Amino acid sequence: MKVNEQLIGHLSHLSRLQFDEQAGQEMVHDLNRILGFVEKLEEVNTEGVEPLIYMTDETNILRDDAVVQTITQDEALKNAPRKDSDYFRVPRFIDQD
C-alpha cells in the first residue's frame, strides 16, 4: 500500500486535521517510511515464536486492598471555610428555573 496525497487528504478530513501542501508531502513521506518498516518486519520468520504479552516473566506483587480511615470527619471539616454540622457548605450552582 502506498500513501499518496489523496489518501492523506481523506485521512486528514476524517481526523479533522488541516495540512498545508508542504506538511501534506511530509506526511506522505513519513507514512510511506512507516509502511516500509512494517513490510520489512513481515519478512522476519516468526514461526514457532510465542506472542509476547509481557516484557518480563515477573508478576506484580500487589497488596490486598484494605479500607483504612486516615482522616476523621472532624479533621476534614476543621479547615473548611464554611461547614454545616457534618457537611461542607458550597455556593449554589444549579439554577432552579
N, C-alpha and C. Protein backbone atom coordinates (compact mmCIF):
# COMPACT_ATOMS: atom_id res chain seq x y z
N MET A 1 0.84 -1.18 0.00
CA MET A 1 0.00 0.00 0.00
C MET A 1 0.89 1.24 0.00
N LYS A 2 0.65 2.10 -0.91
CA LYS A 2 1.40 3.35 -0.99
C LYS A 2 0.51 4.50 -0.56
N VAL A 3 1.08 5.38 0.18
CA VAL A 3 0.36 6.56 0.64
C VAL A 3 0.56 7.67 -0.39
N ASN A 4 -0.53 8.33 -0.76
CA ASN A 4 -0.43 9.44 -1.70
C ASN A 4 -1.19 10.64 -1.13
N GLU A 5 -1.15 11.73 -1.85
CA GLU A 5 -1.79 12.97 -1.38
C GLU A 5 -3.30 12.80 -1.21
N GLN A 6 -3.91 11.99 -2.08
CA GLN A 6 -5.35 11.77 -2.00
C GLN A 6 -5.70 11.04 -0.69
N LEU A 7 -4.92 10.03 -0.31
CA LEU A 7 -5.16 9.31 0.93
C LEU A 7 -4.94 10.23 2.13
N ILE A 8 -3.89 11.05 2.10
CA ILE A 8 -3.63 11.99 3.19
C ILE A 8 -4.79 12.98 3.30
N GLY A 9 -5.32 13.44 2.18
CA GLY A 9 -6.46 14.33 2.20
C GLY A 9 -7.68 13.69 2.84
N HIS A 10 -7.92 12.42 2.49
CA HIS A 10 -9.06 11.70 3.06
C HIS A 10 -8.87 11.50 4.56
N LEU A 11 -7.67 11.06 4.97
CA LEU A 11 -7.40 10.84 6.40
C LEU A 11 -7.46 12.14 7.19
N SER A 12 -6.95 13.22 6.61
CA SER A 12 -6.99 14.50 7.32
C SER A 12 -8.43 14.99 7.47
N HIS A 13 -9.27 14.71 6.48
CA HIS A 13 -10.69 15.07 6.61
C HIS A 13 -11.35 14.27 7.72
N LEU A 14 -11.09 12.96 7.75
CA LEU A 14 -11.69 12.11 8.78
C LEU A 14 -11.24 12.49 10.18
N SER A 15 -9.98 12.89 10.31
CA SER A 15 -9.44 13.23 11.62
C SER A 15 -9.56 14.71 11.94
N ARG A 16 -10.17 15.45 11.03
CA ARG A 16 -10.37 16.89 11.21
C ARG A 16 -9.05 17.63 11.42
N LEU A 17 -8.04 17.25 10.63
CA LEU A 17 -6.75 17.92 10.64
C LEU A 17 -6.60 18.69 9.34
N GLN A 18 -5.80 19.74 9.39
CA GLN A 18 -5.55 20.51 8.18
C GLN A 18 -4.04 20.57 7.96
N PHE A 19 -3.62 20.26 6.74
CA PHE A 19 -2.21 20.31 6.38
C PHE A 19 -2.05 21.26 5.20
N ASP A 20 -0.98 22.05 5.25
CA ASP A 20 -0.66 22.80 4.04
C ASP A 20 0.05 21.84 3.09
N GLU A 21 0.39 22.29 1.92
CA GLU A 21 0.95 21.39 0.90
C GLU A 21 2.26 20.76 1.36
N GLN A 22 3.12 21.55 1.99
CA GLN A 22 4.41 21.02 2.44
C GLN A 22 4.22 19.98 3.54
N ALA A 23 3.35 20.27 4.51
CA ALA A 23 3.10 19.31 5.59
C ALA A 23 2.46 18.04 5.04
N GLY A 24 1.60 18.18 4.03
CA GLY A 24 0.99 17.00 3.40
C GLY A 24 2.03 16.13 2.74
N GLN A 25 3.00 16.76 2.04
CA GLN A 25 4.08 15.99 1.41
C GLN A 25 4.92 15.28 2.47
N GLU A 26 5.18 15.94 3.60
CA GLU A 26 5.94 15.31 4.69
C GLU A 26 5.18 14.12 5.26
N MET A 27 3.85 14.25 5.38
CA MET A 27 3.04 13.14 5.88
C MET A 27 3.09 11.97 4.93
N VAL A 28 3.02 12.23 3.63
CA VAL A 28 3.12 11.16 2.63
C VAL A 28 4.45 10.44 2.80
N HIS A 29 5.53 11.19 2.91
CA HIS A 29 6.86 10.61 3.05
C HIS A 29 6.97 9.79 4.35
N ASP A 30 6.51 10.38 5.46
CA ASP A 30 6.63 9.69 6.76
C ASP A 30 5.79 8.41 6.79
N LEU A 31 4.57 8.47 6.31
CA LEU A 31 3.72 7.28 6.34
C LEU A 31 4.24 6.20 5.41
N ASN A 32 4.81 6.57 4.27
CA ASN A 32 5.43 5.57 3.39
C ASN A 32 6.62 4.91 4.08
N ARG A 33 7.40 5.68 4.82
CA ARG A 33 8.52 5.09 5.57
C ARG A 33 8.03 4.13 6.65
N ILE A 34 6.96 4.50 7.34
CA ILE A 34 6.40 3.62 8.38
C ILE A 34 5.91 2.32 7.75
N LEU A 35 5.18 2.42 6.65
CA LEU A 35 4.68 1.22 5.98
C LEU A 35 5.82 0.36 5.46
N GLY A 36 6.90 0.98 5.00
CA GLY A 36 8.08 0.24 4.57
C GLY A 36 8.71 -0.52 5.72
N PHE A 37 8.74 0.10 6.87
CA PHE A 37 9.28 -0.57 8.05
C PHE A 37 8.42 -1.78 8.43
N VAL A 38 7.10 -1.62 8.38
CA VAL A 38 6.20 -2.73 8.69
C VAL A 38 6.36 -3.86 7.68
N GLU A 39 6.52 -3.53 6.42
CA GLU A 39 6.74 -4.55 5.39
C GLU A 39 8.04 -5.30 5.66
N LYS A 40 9.06 -4.60 6.12
CA LYS A 40 10.34 -5.24 6.46
C LYS A 40 10.15 -6.20 7.62
N LEU A 41 9.34 -5.82 8.60
CA LEU A 41 9.08 -6.70 9.75
C LEU A 41 8.34 -7.96 9.32
N GLU A 42 7.51 -7.86 8.29
CA GLU A 42 6.77 -9.02 7.82
C GLU A 42 7.68 -10.07 7.19
N GLU A 43 8.89 -9.69 6.82
CA GLU A 43 9.84 -10.63 6.24
C GLU A 43 10.48 -11.54 7.28
N VAL A 44 10.39 -11.18 8.54
CA VAL A 44 11.03 -11.95 9.61
C VAL A 44 10.26 -13.25 9.83
N ASN A 45 11.00 -14.36 9.94
CA ASN A 45 10.39 -15.65 10.20
C ASN A 45 10.02 -15.74 11.68
N THR A 46 8.73 -15.80 11.95
CA THR A 46 8.26 -15.85 13.34
C THR A 46 7.60 -17.20 13.66
N GLU A 47 7.85 -18.18 12.84
CA GLU A 47 7.23 -19.49 13.08
C GLU A 47 7.81 -20.08 14.36
N GLY A 48 6.92 -20.53 15.24
CA GLY A 48 7.33 -21.14 16.50
C GLY A 48 7.62 -20.13 17.60
N VAL A 49 7.47 -18.87 17.32
CA VAL A 49 7.71 -17.84 18.34
C VAL A 49 6.38 -17.51 19.01
N GLU A 50 6.37 -17.64 20.34
CA GLU A 50 5.15 -17.35 21.08
C GLU A 50 4.91 -15.84 21.11
N PRO A 51 3.65 -15.42 21.06
CA PRO A 51 3.36 -13.98 21.15
C PRO A 51 3.84 -13.42 22.48
N LEU A 52 4.36 -12.22 22.45
CA LEU A 52 4.86 -11.56 23.65
C LEU A 52 3.72 -10.77 24.27
N ILE A 53 3.35 -11.17 25.46
CA ILE A 53 2.28 -10.47 26.17
C ILE A 53 2.89 -9.49 27.17
N TYR A 54 3.90 -9.97 27.91
CA TYR A 54 4.56 -9.13 28.91
C TYR A 54 6.04 -9.07 28.58
N MET A 55 6.68 -7.99 28.96
CA MET A 55 8.10 -7.83 28.66
C MET A 55 8.99 -8.72 29.54
N THR A 56 8.52 -9.10 30.71
CA THR A 56 9.29 -9.97 31.60
C THR A 56 8.39 -11.09 32.09
N ASP A 57 9.01 -12.09 32.71
CA ASP A 57 8.24 -13.19 33.28
C ASP A 57 7.78 -12.88 34.70
N GLU A 58 8.22 -11.76 35.26
CA GLU A 58 7.85 -11.41 36.62
C GLU A 58 6.39 -10.98 36.68
N THR A 59 5.77 -11.25 37.81
CA THR A 59 4.39 -10.83 38.01
C THR A 59 4.36 -9.77 39.10
N ASN A 60 3.35 -8.95 39.02
CA ASN A 60 3.20 -7.91 40.04
C ASN A 60 2.80 -8.53 41.36
N ILE A 61 3.42 -8.06 42.40
CA ILE A 61 3.04 -8.47 43.74
C ILE A 61 2.32 -7.28 44.34
N LEU A 62 1.02 -7.40 44.44
CA LEU A 62 0.20 -6.30 44.91
C LEU A 62 -0.31 -6.58 46.30
N ARG A 63 -0.47 -5.52 47.06
CA ARG A 63 -1.02 -5.70 48.39
C ARG A 63 -2.54 -5.82 48.30
N ASP A 64 -3.14 -6.43 49.27
CA ASP A 64 -4.59 -6.53 49.32
C ASP A 64 -5.17 -5.16 49.60
N ASP A 65 -6.30 -4.88 48.98
CA ASP A 65 -6.99 -3.64 49.27
C ASP A 65 -7.59 -3.72 50.67
N ALA A 66 -7.34 -2.71 51.45
CA ALA A 66 -7.89 -2.66 52.79
C ALA A 66 -8.43 -1.26 53.03
N VAL A 67 -9.63 -1.19 53.59
CA VAL A 67 -10.23 0.10 53.90
C VAL A 67 -9.58 0.61 55.17
N VAL A 68 -8.96 1.78 55.05
CA VAL A 68 -8.29 2.37 56.20
C VAL A 68 -8.74 3.83 56.27
N GLN A 69 -9.25 4.24 57.41
CA GLN A 69 -9.66 5.62 57.56
C GLN A 69 -8.45 6.41 58.04
N THR A 70 -7.95 7.29 57.18
CA THR A 70 -6.75 8.04 57.51
C THR A 70 -7.07 9.40 58.11
N ILE A 71 -8.27 9.88 57.89
CA ILE A 71 -8.66 11.18 58.43
C ILE A 71 -10.11 11.10 58.88
N THR A 72 -10.38 11.67 60.02
CA THR A 72 -11.75 11.63 60.54
C THR A 72 -12.57 12.74 59.91
N GLN A 73 -13.87 12.64 60.07
CA GLN A 73 -14.76 13.65 59.52
C GLN A 73 -14.49 15.01 60.17
N ASP A 74 -14.27 15.02 61.49
CA ASP A 74 -13.99 16.28 62.19
C ASP A 74 -12.69 16.91 61.69
N GLU A 75 -11.67 16.08 61.42
CA GLU A 75 -10.40 16.60 60.90
C GLU A 75 -10.58 17.18 59.50
N ALA A 76 -11.43 16.53 58.68
CA ALA A 76 -11.67 17.02 57.33
C ALA A 76 -12.39 18.36 57.35
N LEU A 77 -13.31 18.54 58.27
CA LEU A 77 -14.09 19.77 58.34
C LEU A 77 -13.39 20.88 59.11
N LYS A 78 -12.31 20.56 59.78
CA LYS A 78 -11.65 21.53 60.66
C LYS A 78 -11.23 22.80 59.92
N ASN A 79 -10.69 22.69 58.73
CA ASN A 79 -10.21 23.85 57.98
C ASN A 79 -11.15 24.30 56.88
N ALA A 80 -12.36 23.79 56.87
CA ALA A 80 -13.32 24.17 55.83
C ALA A 80 -13.73 25.62 56.02
N PRO A 81 -13.76 26.41 54.95
CA PRO A 81 -14.18 27.81 55.10
C PRO A 81 -15.63 27.93 55.56
N ARG A 82 -16.49 27.02 55.10
CA ARG A 82 -17.89 27.01 55.51
C ARG A 82 -18.32 25.57 55.72
N LYS A 83 -18.97 25.31 56.84
CA LYS A 83 -19.44 23.96 57.11
C LYS A 83 -20.78 24.04 57.81
N ASP A 84 -21.54 22.96 57.71
CA ASP A 84 -22.86 22.89 58.33
C ASP A 84 -22.95 21.53 59.00
N SER A 85 -22.80 21.47 60.25
CA SER A 85 -22.77 20.24 61.06
C SER A 85 -21.76 19.25 60.48
N ASP A 86 -22.20 18.30 59.68
CA ASP A 86 -21.32 17.25 59.18
C ASP A 86 -20.92 17.43 57.72
N TYR A 87 -21.23 18.58 57.09
CA TYR A 87 -21.02 18.72 55.66
C TYR A 87 -20.28 20.01 55.32
N PHE A 88 -19.63 20.01 54.15
CA PHE A 88 -19.06 21.23 53.59
C PHE A 88 -20.20 22.05 52.99
N ARG A 89 -20.14 23.35 53.16
CA ARG A 89 -21.13 24.23 52.51
C ARG A 89 -20.46 24.87 51.31
N VAL A 90 -21.15 24.80 50.18
CA VAL A 90 -20.63 25.37 48.95
C VAL A 90 -21.71 26.25 48.34
N PRO A 91 -21.33 27.21 47.50
CA PRO A 91 -22.34 28.05 46.86
C PRO A 91 -23.23 27.24 45.92
N ARG A 92 -24.47 27.66 45.79
CA ARG A 92 -25.39 27.01 44.89
C ARG A 92 -24.95 27.27 43.46
N PHE A 93 -24.95 26.25 42.63
CA PHE A 93 -24.53 26.43 41.25
C PHE A 93 -25.53 25.90 40.24
N ILE A 94 -26.65 25.37 40.69
CA ILE A 94 -27.68 24.87 39.79
C ILE A 94 -28.86 25.81 39.83
N ASP A 95 -29.26 26.31 38.67
CA ASP A 95 -30.43 27.18 38.59
C ASP A 95 -31.69 26.35 38.79
N GLN A 96 -32.65 26.93 39.47
CA GLN A 96 -33.90 26.22 39.70
C GLN A 96 -34.98 26.68 38.74
N ASP A 97 -34.63 27.41 37.72
CA ASP A 97 -35.61 27.90 36.75
C ASP A 97 -36.04 26.82 35.81
